[in-house]
Amino acid sequence: MLRAIVTGNVWATKKVDGLPSGAFLEVQVEDGGARLIAFDVLGSGIGERVLVTQGSVAAAWFPGTPPPVDALVIGSIDHQPDSATRTEIKPTR
């Protein structure tokens, strides 16, 4: 999963049959990562921080024959603690 910020909309008047209602968004992966085009069914907006999944996991979300979607917005980040307030969780044996 990737954390990203929505930077723009991608308007596509023609789409592959089988895509549900949704939008294509341009997202910038946080920490200077790549720009991606992700399919969004949540209604995310420009400036919003989102979670994006890629590859077969993204395509498998769709019912039936998976469409050619390589990146999918799967969540909206409401709050993320800063590193100063995070605590390390150590595995127990």
N, C-alpha and C. Protein backbone atom coordinates (compact mmCIF):
# COMPACT_ATOMS: atom_id res chain seq x y z
N MET A 1 0.83 -1.17 0.00
CA MET A 1 0.00 0.00 0.00
C MET A 1 0.89 1.24 0.00
N LEU A 2 0.39 2.25 -0.66
CA LEU A 2 1.12 3.51 -0.74
C LEU A 2 0.29 4.64 -0.15
N ARG A 3 0.96 5.60 0.51
CA ARG A 3 0.31 6.83 0.92
C ARG A 3 0.56 7.84 -0.17
N ALA A 4 -0.50 8.54 -0.58
CA ALA A 4 -0.37 9.49 -1.68
C ALA A 4 -1.28 10.69 -1.45
N ILE A 5 -1.04 11.74 -2.23
CA ILE A 5 -1.87 12.94 -2.20
C ILE A 5 -2.47 13.12 -3.59
N VAL A 6 -3.77 13.36 -3.64
CA VAL A 6 -4.45 13.58 -4.92
C VAL A 6 -4.01 14.94 -5.46
N THR A 7 -3.45 14.94 -6.68
CA THR A 7 -2.96 16.18 -7.27
C THR A 7 -3.80 16.67 -8.44
N GLY A 8 -4.67 15.81 -8.96
CA GLY A 8 -5.48 16.26 -10.08
C GLY A 8 -6.46 15.21 -10.55
N ASN A 9 -7.37 15.64 -11.41
CA ASN A 9 -8.34 14.75 -12.06
C ASN A 9 -7.86 14.42 -13.46
N VAL A 10 -8.17 13.23 -13.92
CA VAL A 10 -7.88 12.84 -15.30
C VAL A 10 -9.23 12.56 -15.94
N TRP A 11 -9.58 13.38 -16.93
CA TRP A 11 -10.89 13.25 -17.57
C TRP A 11 -10.79 12.27 -18.73
N ALA A 12 -11.63 11.25 -18.70
CA ALA A 12 -11.66 10.24 -19.76
C ALA A 12 -13.11 10.06 -20.19
N THR A 13 -13.43 10.51 -21.40
CA THR A 13 -14.81 10.40 -21.86
C THR A 13 -15.13 9.00 -22.37
N LYS A 14 -14.11 8.26 -22.73
CA LYS A 14 -14.29 6.87 -23.16
C LYS A 14 -13.54 5.97 -22.19
N LYS A 15 -14.24 4.93 -21.71
CA LYS A 15 -13.65 3.99 -20.76
C LYS A 15 -13.93 2.57 -21.21
N VAL A 16 -13.15 1.65 -20.70
CA VAL A 16 -13.34 0.22 -20.96
C VAL A 16 -14.67 -0.21 -20.35
N ASP A 17 -15.43 -1.01 -21.07
CA ASP A 17 -16.67 -1.56 -20.51
C ASP A 17 -16.34 -2.37 -19.26
N GLY A 18 -17.20 -2.29 -18.28
CA GLY A 18 -17.01 -3.07 -17.06
C GLY A 18 -16.45 -2.26 -15.89
N LEU A 19 -16.01 -1.03 -16.15
CA LEU A 19 -15.55 -0.20 -15.03
C LEU A 19 -16.77 0.32 -14.29
N PRO A 20 -16.76 0.24 -12.95
CA PRO A 20 -17.88 0.81 -12.21
C PRO A 20 -17.81 2.33 -12.23
N SER A 21 -18.79 2.97 -11.63
CA SER A 21 -18.74 4.43 -11.51
C SER A 21 -17.52 4.80 -10.67
N GLY A 22 -16.81 5.79 -11.12
CA GLY A 22 -15.61 6.21 -10.42
C GLY A 22 -14.87 7.23 -11.26
N ALA A 23 -13.70 7.60 -10.80
CA ALA A 23 -12.92 8.61 -11.50
C ALA A 23 -11.46 8.21 -11.53
N PHE A 24 -10.76 8.72 -12.53
CA PHE A 24 -9.32 8.56 -12.59
C PHE A 24 -8.69 9.79 -11.96
N LEU A 25 -7.78 9.58 -11.02
CA LEU A 25 -7.11 10.67 -10.34
C LEU A 25 -5.60 10.56 -10.51
N GLU A 26 -4.96 11.71 -10.59
CA GLU A 26 -3.50 11.72 -10.55
C GLU A 26 -3.12 11.85 -9.08
N VAL A 27 -2.24 10.97 -8.62
CA VAL A 27 -1.79 11.02 -7.23
C VAL A 27 -0.27 11.06 -7.20
N GLN A 28 0.25 11.74 -6.19
CA GLN A 28 1.70 11.82 -5.96
C GLN A 28 2.00 10.99 -4.71
N VAL A 29 2.81 9.95 -4.88
CA VAL A 29 3.19 9.13 -3.74
C VAL A 29 3.99 10.00 -2.77
N GLU A 30 3.67 9.90 -1.47
CA GLU A 30 4.34 10.73 -0.47
C GLU A 30 5.83 10.45 -0.41
N ASP A 31 6.56 11.38 0.16
CA ASP A 31 8.02 11.30 0.31
C ASP A 31 8.74 11.30 -1.03
N GLY A 32 8.23 12.10 -1.97
CA GLY A 32 8.91 12.28 -3.25
C GLY A 32 8.79 11.12 -4.21
N GLY A 33 7.76 10.32 -4.05
CA GLY A 33 7.57 9.17 -4.92
C GLY A 33 7.00 9.54 -6.28
N ALA A 34 6.67 8.52 -7.02
CA ALA A 34 6.18 8.66 -8.39
C ALA A 34 4.78 9.26 -8.43
N ARG A 35 4.42 9.76 -9.60
CA ARG A 35 3.04 10.16 -9.87
C ARG A 35 2.36 8.97 -10.54
N LEU A 36 1.14 8.70 -10.12
CA LEU A 36 0.37 7.58 -10.66
C LEU A 36 -1.01 8.06 -11.06
N ILE A 37 -1.64 7.30 -11.94
CA ILE A 37 -3.06 7.47 -12.22
C ILE A 37 -3.75 6.32 -11.50
N ALA A 38 -4.66 6.66 -10.59
CA ALA A 38 -5.36 5.66 -9.80
C ALA A 38 -6.86 5.78 -10.02
N PHE A 39 -7.54 4.66 -10.03
CA PHE A 39 -9.00 4.65 -10.15
C PHE A 39 -9.58 4.84 -8.75
N ASP A 40 -10.59 5.69 -8.63
CA ASP A 40 -11.16 6.04 -7.34
C ASP A 40 -12.66 5.85 -7.35
N VAL A 41 -13.16 5.05 -6.42
CA VAL A 41 -14.62 4.87 -6.28
C VAL A 41 -15.13 5.54 -5.01
N LEU A 42 -14.24 6.21 -4.27
CA LEU A 42 -14.61 6.83 -3.00
C LEU A 42 -15.04 8.28 -3.12
N GLY A 43 -14.70 8.94 -4.22
CA GLY A 43 -15.02 10.34 -4.37
C GLY A 43 -13.97 11.27 -3.77
N SER A 44 -12.72 10.86 -3.81
CA SER A 44 -11.62 11.66 -3.24
C SER A 44 -11.42 12.94 -4.04
N GLY A 45 -10.90 13.97 -3.35
CA GLY A 45 -10.70 15.26 -4.00
C GLY A 45 -9.25 15.70 -3.98
N ILE A 46 -8.96 16.73 -4.76
CA ILE A 46 -7.61 17.27 -4.86
C ILE A 46 -7.15 17.73 -3.48
N GLY A 47 -5.92 17.37 -3.14
CA GLY A 47 -5.33 17.71 -1.85
C GLY A 47 -5.56 16.67 -0.77
N GLU A 48 -6.44 15.73 -1.02
CA GLU A 48 -6.75 14.70 -0.03
C GLU A 48 -5.64 13.65 0.02
N ARG A 49 -5.33 13.18 1.23
CA ARG A 49 -4.36 12.11 1.42
C ARG A 49 -5.10 10.78 1.35
N VAL A 50 -4.57 9.85 0.55
CA VAL A 50 -5.26 8.59 0.30
C VAL A 50 -4.31 7.41 0.40
N LEU A 51 -4.89 6.22 0.52
CA LEU A 51 -4.15 4.97 0.44
C LEU A 51 -4.41 4.37 -0.93
N VAL A 52 -3.36 3.90 -1.57
CA VAL A 52 -3.46 3.34 -2.92
C VAL A 52 -2.85 1.95 -2.92
N THR A 53 -3.52 1.02 -3.55
CA THR A 53 -2.95 -0.30 -3.76
C THR A 53 -2.72 -0.47 -5.25
N GLN A 54 -1.78 -1.35 -5.61
CA GLN A 54 -1.41 -1.52 -7.01
C GLN A 54 -1.42 -2.99 -7.43
N GLY A 55 -1.36 -3.18 -8.73
CA GLY A 55 -1.18 -4.51 -9.30
C GLY A 55 -2.40 -5.39 -9.20
N SER A 56 -2.16 -6.69 -9.01
CA SER A 56 -3.24 -7.67 -9.02
C SER A 56 -4.22 -7.44 -7.87
N VAL A 57 -3.76 -6.89 -6.76
CA VAL A 57 -4.65 -6.60 -5.64
C VAL A 57 -5.68 -5.55 -6.06
N ALA A 58 -5.23 -4.53 -6.78
CA ALA A 58 -6.15 -3.48 -7.25
C ALA A 58 -7.17 -4.07 -8.23
N ALA A 59 -6.72 -4.84 -9.18
CA ALA A 59 -7.61 -5.42 -10.19
C ALA A 59 -8.60 -6.41 -9.58
N ALA A 60 -8.16 -7.15 -8.56
CA ALA A 60 -9.00 -8.18 -7.95
C ALA A 60 -10.19 -7.60 -7.18
N TRP A 61 -10.17 -6.32 -6.87
CA TRP A 61 -11.28 -5.71 -6.14
C TRP A 61 -12.55 -5.72 -6.97
N PHE A 62 -12.43 -5.64 -8.27
CA PHE A 62 -13.58 -5.56 -9.17
C PHE A 62 -14.23 -6.93 -9.33
N PRO A 63 -15.57 -6.98 -9.34
CA PRO A 63 -16.24 -8.27 -9.55
C PRO A 63 -16.09 -8.74 -11.00
N GLY A 64 -16.17 -10.04 -11.17
CA GLY A 64 -16.09 -10.59 -12.53
C GLY A 64 -14.69 -10.50 -13.09
N THR A 65 -14.62 -10.36 -14.40
CA THR A 65 -13.33 -10.25 -15.08
C THR A 65 -12.69 -8.91 -14.71
N PRO A 66 -11.49 -8.95 -14.13
CA PRO A 66 -10.87 -7.70 -13.70
C PRO A 66 -10.55 -6.79 -14.88
N PRO A 67 -10.88 -5.50 -14.78
CA PRO A 67 -10.52 -4.56 -15.84
C PRO A 67 -9.03 -4.21 -15.73
N PRO A 68 -8.48 -3.57 -16.73
CA PRO A 68 -7.05 -3.22 -16.70
C PRO A 68 -6.77 -2.01 -15.80
N VAL A 69 -6.97 -2.19 -14.50
CA VAL A 69 -6.70 -1.14 -13.52
C VAL A 69 -5.50 -1.58 -12.71
N ASP A 70 -4.47 -0.74 -12.67
CA ASP A 70 -3.23 -1.08 -11.99
C ASP A 70 -3.07 -0.37 -10.65
N ALA A 71 -3.86 0.66 -10.39
CA ALA A 71 -3.79 1.39 -9.12
C ALA A 71 -5.20 1.78 -8.71
N LEU A 72 -5.52 1.57 -7.43
CA LEU A 72 -6.87 1.79 -6.91
C LEU A 72 -6.80 2.51 -5.57
N VAL A 73 -7.56 3.59 -5.45
CA VAL A 73 -7.67 4.29 -4.16
C VAL A 73 -8.56 3.43 -3.27
N ILE A 74 -8.03 3.01 -2.11
CA ILE A 74 -8.80 2.12 -1.23
C ILE A 74 -9.15 2.75 0.10
N GLY A 75 -8.64 3.97 0.35
CA GLY A 75 -8.95 4.61 1.63
C GLY A 75 -8.56 6.07 1.63
N SER A 76 -9.18 6.79 2.55
CA SER A 76 -8.88 8.20 2.75
C SER A 76 -8.21 8.33 4.11
N ILE A 77 -7.06 8.99 4.17
CA ILE A 77 -6.33 9.15 5.42
C ILE A 77 -6.89 10.37 6.15
N ASP A 78 -7.54 10.13 7.27
CA ASP A 78 -8.10 11.22 8.07
C ASP A 78 -7.06 11.80 9.00
N HIS A 79 -6.26 10.94 9.60
CA HIS A 79 -5.26 11.38 10.56
C HIS A 79 -4.14 10.35 10.59
N GLN A 80 -2.93 10.85 10.69
CA GLN A 80 -1.78 9.97 10.82
C GLN A 80 -0.88 10.57 11.89
N PRO A 81 -0.59 9.80 12.95
CA PRO A 81 0.27 10.36 13.99
C PRO A 81 1.66 10.66 13.44
N ASP A 82 2.29 11.70 13.98
CA ASP A 82 3.65 11.99 13.54
C ASP A 82 4.61 11.00 14.20
N SER A 83 5.82 10.95 13.70
CA SER A 83 6.78 9.95 14.18
C SER A 83 7.13 10.14 15.64
N ALA A 84 6.97 11.35 16.19
CA ALA A 84 7.30 11.59 17.59
C ALA A 84 6.31 10.92 18.53
N THR A 85 5.08 10.68 18.06
CA THR A 85 4.08 10.08 18.94
C THR A 85 3.88 8.59 18.69
N ARG A 86 4.53 8.06 17.69
CA ARG A 86 4.40 6.62 17.42
C ARG A 86 5.22 5.82 18.42
N THR A 87 4.71 4.68 18.78
CA THR A 87 5.46 3.78 19.63
C THR A 87 5.81 2.54 18.85
N GLU A 88 6.97 2.03 19.12
CA GLU A 88 7.42 0.83 18.41
C GLU A 88 6.78 -0.38 19.04
N ILE A 89 6.24 -1.25 18.22
CA ILE A 89 5.65 -2.49 18.69
C ILE A 89 6.64 -3.59 18.41
N LYS A 90 7.08 -4.26 19.47
CA LYS A 90 8.05 -5.32 19.32
C LYS A 90 7.33 -6.66 19.34
N PRO A 91 7.73 -7.57 18.44
CA PRO A 91 7.09 -8.88 18.43
C PRO A 91 7.42 -9.66 19.71
N THR A 92 6.46 -10.43 20.16
CA THR A 92 6.70 -11.29 21.34
C THR A 92 7.01 -12.69 20.86
N ARG A 93 7.73 -13.40 21.68
CA ARG A 93 8.08 -14.78 21.29
C ARG A 93 7.38 -15.77 22.18
